[in-house]
Amino acid sequence: MADLVGTELVSRSQAKRLLARCEQFQEVTLDFSRVSGIAPAFADEALRVWPGQHPGVVLRHSGASESVSARIERARRNGAGRS
């Protein structure tokens, strides 16, 4: 994600592009250390939908700011904030 320095990740299409071909691996780590924020749509697609479609891949994250970590946990817990 090095080319995303200071970027806000906002769309499902960004998540899909980011995770393209990641199903070829057993474990994937997303490094959010240079990402300034993520929107609910990105979080839902990357952290709830994609892992549900690829249960054989362990998806981890690192380097997330407090606000990005909160969005990640919300997406994993309840579908990016939807009830």
Protein backbone atom coordinates (compact mmCIF):
# COMPACT_ATOMS: atom_id res chain seq x y z
CA MET A 1 0.00 0.00 0.00
CA ALA A 2 3.08 2.21 -0.29
CA ASP A 3 1.60 4.16 -3.18
CA LEU A 4 -1.31 5.19 -0.95
CA VAL A 5 0.67 7.53 1.34
CA GLY A 6 -1.67 10.00 3.02
CA THR A 7 -4.58 8.58 1.10
CA GLU A 8 -8.11 8.02 2.26
CA LEU A 9 -9.46 4.74 0.99
CA VAL A 10 -13.12 5.29 0.26
CA SER A 11 -14.61 2.89 -2.26
CA ARG A 12 -15.42 -0.75 -2.71
CA SER A 13 -13.59 -0.66 -6.04
CA GLN A 14 -10.39 0.45 -4.28
CA ALA A 15 -10.73 -2.50 -1.91
CA LYS A 16 -11.30 -4.90 -4.79
CA ARG A 17 -8.24 -3.58 -6.66
CA LEU A 18 -6.12 -3.75 -3.52
CA LEU A 19 -7.10 -7.36 -2.83
CA ALA A 20 -6.99 -8.59 -6.43
CA ARG A 21 -5.11 -11.88 -6.58
CA CYS A 22 -4.58 -11.98 -2.80
CA GLU A 23 -6.58 -15.21 -2.75
CA GLN A 24 -3.40 -16.88 -4.01
CA PHE A 25 -1.86 -16.51 -0.55
CA GLN A 26 -2.60 -18.16 2.78
CA GLU A 27 -2.00 -14.97 4.75
CA VAL A 28 -2.21 -11.31 3.72
CA THR A 29 -1.21 -8.32 5.87
CA LEU A 30 -2.52 -4.88 4.97
CA ASP A 31 -0.20 -2.12 6.20
CA PHE A 32 -2.24 1.00 6.95
CA SER A 33 0.67 2.99 8.40
CA ARG A 34 0.55 5.62 5.64
CA VAL A 35 -3.20 5.68 5.11
CA SER A 36 -4.96 8.65 6.66
CA GLY A 37 -8.44 7.15 6.75
CA ILE A 38 -10.83 4.55 5.41
CA ALA A 39 -14.51 4.97 4.60
CA PRO A 40 -17.23 2.49 5.57
CA ALA A 41 -17.60 1.18 1.99
CA PHE A 42 -13.89 0.35 1.73
CA ALA A 43 -13.83 -1.20 5.20
CA ASP A 44 -16.90 -3.33 4.51
CA GLU A 45 -15.59 -4.66 1.20
CA ALA A 46 -12.00 -5.27 2.34
CA LEU A 47 -12.61 -6.47 5.87
CA ARG A 48 -15.99 -8.20 5.81
CA VAL A 49 -17.04 -9.10 2.25
CA TRP A 50 -13.67 -10.21 0.81
CA PRO A 51 -12.69 -12.39 3.80
CA GLY A 52 -16.14 -14.00 3.69
CA GLN A 53 -15.55 -14.91 0.05
CA HIS A 54 -12.03 -16.22 0.78
CA PRO A 55 -12.22 -18.15 4.06
CA GLY A 56 -8.92 -19.91 3.36
CA VAL A 57 -6.97 -16.64 3.52
CA VAL A 58 -6.03 -15.06 6.85
CA LEU A 59 -6.34 -11.28 6.49
CA ARG A 60 -4.38 -9.20 9.01
CA HIS A 61 -3.68 -5.51 9.33
CA SER A 62 -0.86 -3.46 10.81
CA GLY A 63 0.17 0.14 11.31
CA ALA A 64 -3.34 1.54 11.51
CA SER A 65 -4.01 4.82 13.28
CA GLU A 66 -6.54 4.88 16.09
CA SER A 67 -9.33 6.09 13.80
CA VAL A 68 -8.51 3.56 11.08
CA SER A 69 -8.32 0.77 13.68
CA ALA A 70 -11.75 1.76 14.97
CA ARG A 71 -13.21 1.59 11.44
CA ILE A 72 -11.54 -1.80 10.88
CA GLU A 73 -12.98 -3.23 14.08
CA ARG A 74 -16.43 -1.80 13.31
CA ALA A 75 -16.39 -3.40 9.85
CA ARG A 76 -15.34 -6.77 11.21
CA ARG A 77 -17.82 -6.63 14.06
CA ASN A 78 -20.99 -5.51 12.31
CA GLY A 79 -20.63 -4.81 8.61
CA ALA A 80 -19.03 -1.34 8.55
CA GLY A 81 -21.41 0.19 11.05
CA ARG A 82 -24.65 -1.14 9.62
CA SER A 83 -27.06 -2.78 12.01
